[in-house]
């Protein structure tokens, strides 16, 4: 499943570069770029890290909802 648009939109909405996101979630910029473009699948671990970084729900990233709110 490609999440590139939602992930890219979140990154851009937060004025972050691919390198900055990669550093924050502990992967290389190249790997992040592949995830963002859909070349490499999004793992559960990275999905959780991105949801935590952006403070959004996993369902929002997976395009199951348009509601960003998390149930913490």
N, C-alpha and C. Protein backbone atom coordinates (compact mmCIF):
# COMPACT_ATOMS: atom_id res chain seq x y z
N UNK A 1 0.84 -1.18 0.00
CA UNK A 1 0.00 0.00 0.00
C UNK A 1 0.88 1.24 0.00
N UNK A 2 0.61 2.13 -0.88
CA UNK A 2 1.42 3.35 -0.98
C UNK A 2 0.86 4.44 -0.07
N UNK A 3 1.72 4.94 0.79
CA UNK A 3 1.33 6.00 1.70
C UNK A 3 2.04 7.30 1.36
N UNK A 4 2.68 7.31 0.19
CA UNK A 4 3.56 8.42 -0.15
C UNK A 4 2.91 9.79 -0.03
N UNK A 5 1.70 9.97 -0.51
CA UNK A 5 1.08 11.29 -0.47
C UNK A 5 0.85 11.76 0.95
N UNK A 6 0.30 10.91 1.78
CA UNK A 6 0.00 11.30 3.15
C UNK A 6 1.30 11.55 3.91
N UNK A 7 2.27 10.69 3.74
CA UNK A 7 3.55 10.86 4.45
C UNK A 7 4.27 12.11 3.96
N UNK A 8 4.29 12.30 2.68
CA UNK A 8 4.92 13.50 2.13
C UNK A 8 4.20 14.77 2.59
N UNK A 9 2.88 14.73 2.56
CA UNK A 9 2.09 15.89 3.01
C UNK A 9 2.39 16.21 4.47
N UNK A 10 2.45 15.20 5.32
CA UNK A 10 2.76 15.44 6.73
C UNK A 10 4.14 16.07 6.89
N UNK A 11 5.10 15.56 6.15
CA UNK A 11 6.46 16.10 6.21
C UNK A 11 6.48 17.55 5.77
N UNK A 12 5.85 17.84 4.64
CA UNK A 12 5.84 19.20 4.12
C UNK A 12 5.04 20.15 5.01
N UNK A 13 3.93 19.66 5.57
CA UNK A 13 3.13 20.49 6.48
C UNK A 13 3.91 20.89 7.73
N UNK A 14 4.89 20.06 8.09
CA UNK A 14 5.71 20.33 9.27
C UNK A 14 7.05 20.98 8.90
N UNK A 15 7.18 21.40 7.63
CA UNK A 15 8.39 22.08 7.15
C UNK A 15 9.66 21.30 7.46
N UNK A 16 9.62 19.99 7.17
CA UNK A 16 10.77 19.14 7.40
C UNK A 16 11.30 18.61 6.08
N UNK A 17 12.60 18.39 6.04
CA UNK A 17 13.22 17.74 4.88
C UNK A 17 13.17 16.23 5.08
N UNK A 18 13.40 15.51 4.03
CA UNK A 18 13.50 14.06 4.15
C UNK A 18 14.61 13.68 5.12
N UNK A 19 15.71 14.38 5.07
CA UNK A 19 16.84 14.09 5.97
C UNK A 19 16.45 14.31 7.43
N UNK A 20 15.72 15.37 7.71
CA UNK A 20 15.31 15.64 9.09
C UNK A 20 14.38 14.55 9.61
N UNK A 21 13.43 14.12 8.80
CA UNK A 21 12.53 13.05 9.22
C UNK A 21 13.31 11.75 9.42
N UNK A 22 14.16 11.44 8.49
CA UNK A 22 14.97 10.22 8.60
C UNK A 22 15.79 10.22 9.89
N UNK A 23 16.40 11.35 10.20
CA UNK A 23 17.18 11.45 11.44
C UNK A 23 16.30 11.24 12.66
N UNK A 24 15.11 11.81 12.64
CA UNK A 24 14.21 11.72 13.80
C UNK A 24 13.68 10.31 14.02
N UNK A 25 13.54 9.53 12.95
CA UNK A 25 13.00 8.18 13.11
C UNK A 25 14.08 7.10 13.01
N UNK A 26 15.33 7.52 12.84
CA UNK A 26 16.46 6.59 12.92
C UNK A 26 16.72 5.74 11.70
N UNK A 27 16.49 6.31 10.52
CA UNK A 27 16.81 5.60 9.28
C UNK A 27 17.59 6.54 8.37
N UNK A 28 18.08 6.01 7.26
CA UNK A 28 18.81 6.86 6.32
C UNK A 28 17.82 7.66 5.47
N UNK A 29 18.31 8.75 4.92
CA UNK A 29 17.47 9.58 4.05
C UNK A 29 17.05 8.77 2.83
N UNK A 30 17.94 7.95 2.32
CA UNK A 30 17.62 7.14 1.13
C UNK A 30 16.46 6.19 1.42
N UNK A 31 16.54 5.51 2.58
CA UNK A 31 15.46 4.59 2.94
C UNK A 31 14.15 5.35 3.12
N UNK A 32 14.22 6.51 3.76
CA UNK A 32 12.99 7.30 3.93
C UNK A 32 12.44 7.70 2.56
N UNK A 33 13.28 8.13 1.67
CA UNK A 33 12.85 8.52 0.33
C UNK A 33 12.14 7.35 -0.37
N UNK A 34 12.69 6.16 -0.23
CA UNK A 34 12.07 4.97 -0.84
C UNK A 34 10.69 4.69 -0.23
N UNK A 35 10.57 4.90 1.08
CA UNK A 35 9.28 4.70 1.74
C UNK A 35 8.28 5.75 1.25
N UNK A 36 8.73 6.98 1.18
CA UNK A 36 7.84 8.08 0.77
C UNK A 36 7.35 7.91 -0.66
N UNK A 37 8.17 7.36 -1.52
CA UNK A 37 7.77 7.18 -2.92
C UNK A 37 7.10 5.84 -3.17
N UNK A 38 7.06 4.97 -2.14
CA UNK A 38 6.43 3.67 -2.31
C UNK A 38 7.33 2.60 -2.88
N UNK A 39 8.61 2.92 -3.09
CA UNK A 39 9.56 1.93 -3.60
C UNK A 39 9.83 0.85 -2.56
N UNK A 40 9.84 1.24 -1.30
CA UNK A 40 10.05 0.32 -0.20
C UNK A 40 8.81 0.33 0.69
N UNK A 41 8.36 -0.84 1.14
CA UNK A 41 7.15 -0.87 1.96
C UNK A 41 7.35 -0.20 3.32
N UNK A 42 6.28 0.31 3.84
CA UNK A 42 6.26 0.93 5.15
C UNK A 42 6.12 -0.17 6.20
N UNK A 43 7.11 -0.30 7.09
CA UNK A 43 7.05 -1.32 8.13
C UNK A 43 6.23 -0.83 9.31
N UNK A 44 5.80 -1.76 10.13
CA UNK A 44 5.05 -1.41 11.34
C UNK A 44 5.87 -0.47 12.23
N UNK A 45 7.15 -0.77 12.37
CA UNK A 45 8.02 0.04 13.23
C UNK A 45 8.11 1.48 12.73
N UNK A 46 8.31 1.66 11.44
CA UNK A 46 8.40 3.00 10.87
C UNK A 46 7.05 3.70 10.95
N UNK A 47 5.99 2.98 10.72
CA UNK A 47 4.64 3.54 10.81
C UNK A 47 4.39 4.13 12.20
N UNK A 48 4.75 3.39 13.23
CA UNK A 48 4.57 3.87 14.61
C UNK A 48 5.45 5.10 14.86
N UNK A 49 6.68 5.06 14.38
CA UNK A 49 7.58 6.21 14.57
C UNK A 49 7.05 7.46 13.88
N UNK A 50 6.51 7.30 12.68
CA UNK A 50 5.95 8.46 11.96
C UNK A 50 4.71 8.99 12.66
N UNK A 51 3.86 8.10 13.14
CA UNK A 51 2.65 8.54 13.86
C UNK A 51 3.05 9.30 15.12
N UNK A 52 4.06 8.82 15.82
CA UNK A 52 4.53 9.51 17.03
C UNK A 52 5.17 10.85 16.69
N UNK A 53 5.95 10.88 15.64
CA UNK A 53 6.62 12.11 15.22
C UNK A 53 5.61 13.21 14.91
N UNK A 54 4.61 12.86 14.14
CA UNK A 54 3.63 13.85 13.69
C UNK A 54 2.43 13.98 14.63
N UNK A 55 2.39 13.12 15.64
CA UNK A 55 1.27 13.13 16.61
C UNK A 55 -0.08 12.96 15.91
N UNK A 56 -0.12 11.99 15.02
CA UNK A 56 -1.35 11.64 14.31
C UNK A 56 -1.62 10.15 14.52
N UNK A 57 -2.82 9.74 14.18
CA UNK A 57 -3.16 8.32 14.32
C UNK A 57 -2.56 7.51 13.17
N UNK A 58 -2.34 6.26 13.47
CA UNK A 58 -1.86 5.34 12.42
C UNK A 58 -2.93 5.23 11.34
N UNK A 59 -4.20 5.22 11.73
CA UNK A 59 -5.28 5.17 10.74
C UNK A 59 -5.21 6.34 9.77
N UNK A 60 -4.82 7.51 10.27
CA UNK A 60 -4.69 8.67 9.38
C UNK A 60 -3.58 8.42 8.36
N UNK A 61 -2.45 7.92 8.80
CA UNK A 61 -1.35 7.65 7.87
C UNK A 61 -1.76 6.59 6.85
N UNK A 62 -2.52 5.59 7.30
CA UNK A 62 -2.96 4.51 6.41
C UNK A 62 -4.17 4.87 5.56
N UNK A 63 -4.61 6.12 5.66
CA UNK A 63 -5.73 6.65 4.89
C UNK A 63 -7.04 5.93 5.18
N UNK A 64 -7.19 5.48 6.44
CA UNK A 64 -8.43 4.87 6.87
C UNK A 64 -9.39 5.92 7.42
N UNK A 65 -8.85 7.11 7.67
CA UNK A 65 -9.65 8.23 8.17
C UNK A 65 -8.98 9.53 7.75
N UNK A 66 -9.74 10.59 7.75
CA UNK A 66 -9.17 11.91 7.50
C UNK A 66 -9.00 12.68 8.80
N UNK A 67 -9.30 12.03 9.91
CA UNK A 67 -9.16 12.62 11.24
C UNK A 67 -7.75 12.33 11.76
N UNK A 68 -6.97 13.37 11.99
CA UNK A 68 -5.59 13.20 12.46
C UNK A 68 -5.50 12.82 13.94
N UNK A 69 -6.58 13.06 14.69
CA UNK A 69 -6.55 12.91 16.14
C UNK A 69 -6.19 11.48 16.57
N UNK A 70 -5.34 11.44 17.59
CA UNK A 70 -4.93 10.16 18.18
C UNK A 70 -5.74 9.90 19.45
N UNK A 71 -5.92 8.67 19.76
CA UNK A 71 -6.53 8.28 21.02
C UNK A 71 -5.42 7.85 21.96
N UNK A 72 -4.85 8.81 22.67
CA UNK A 72 -3.73 8.49 23.57
C UNK A 72 -4.17 7.95 24.87
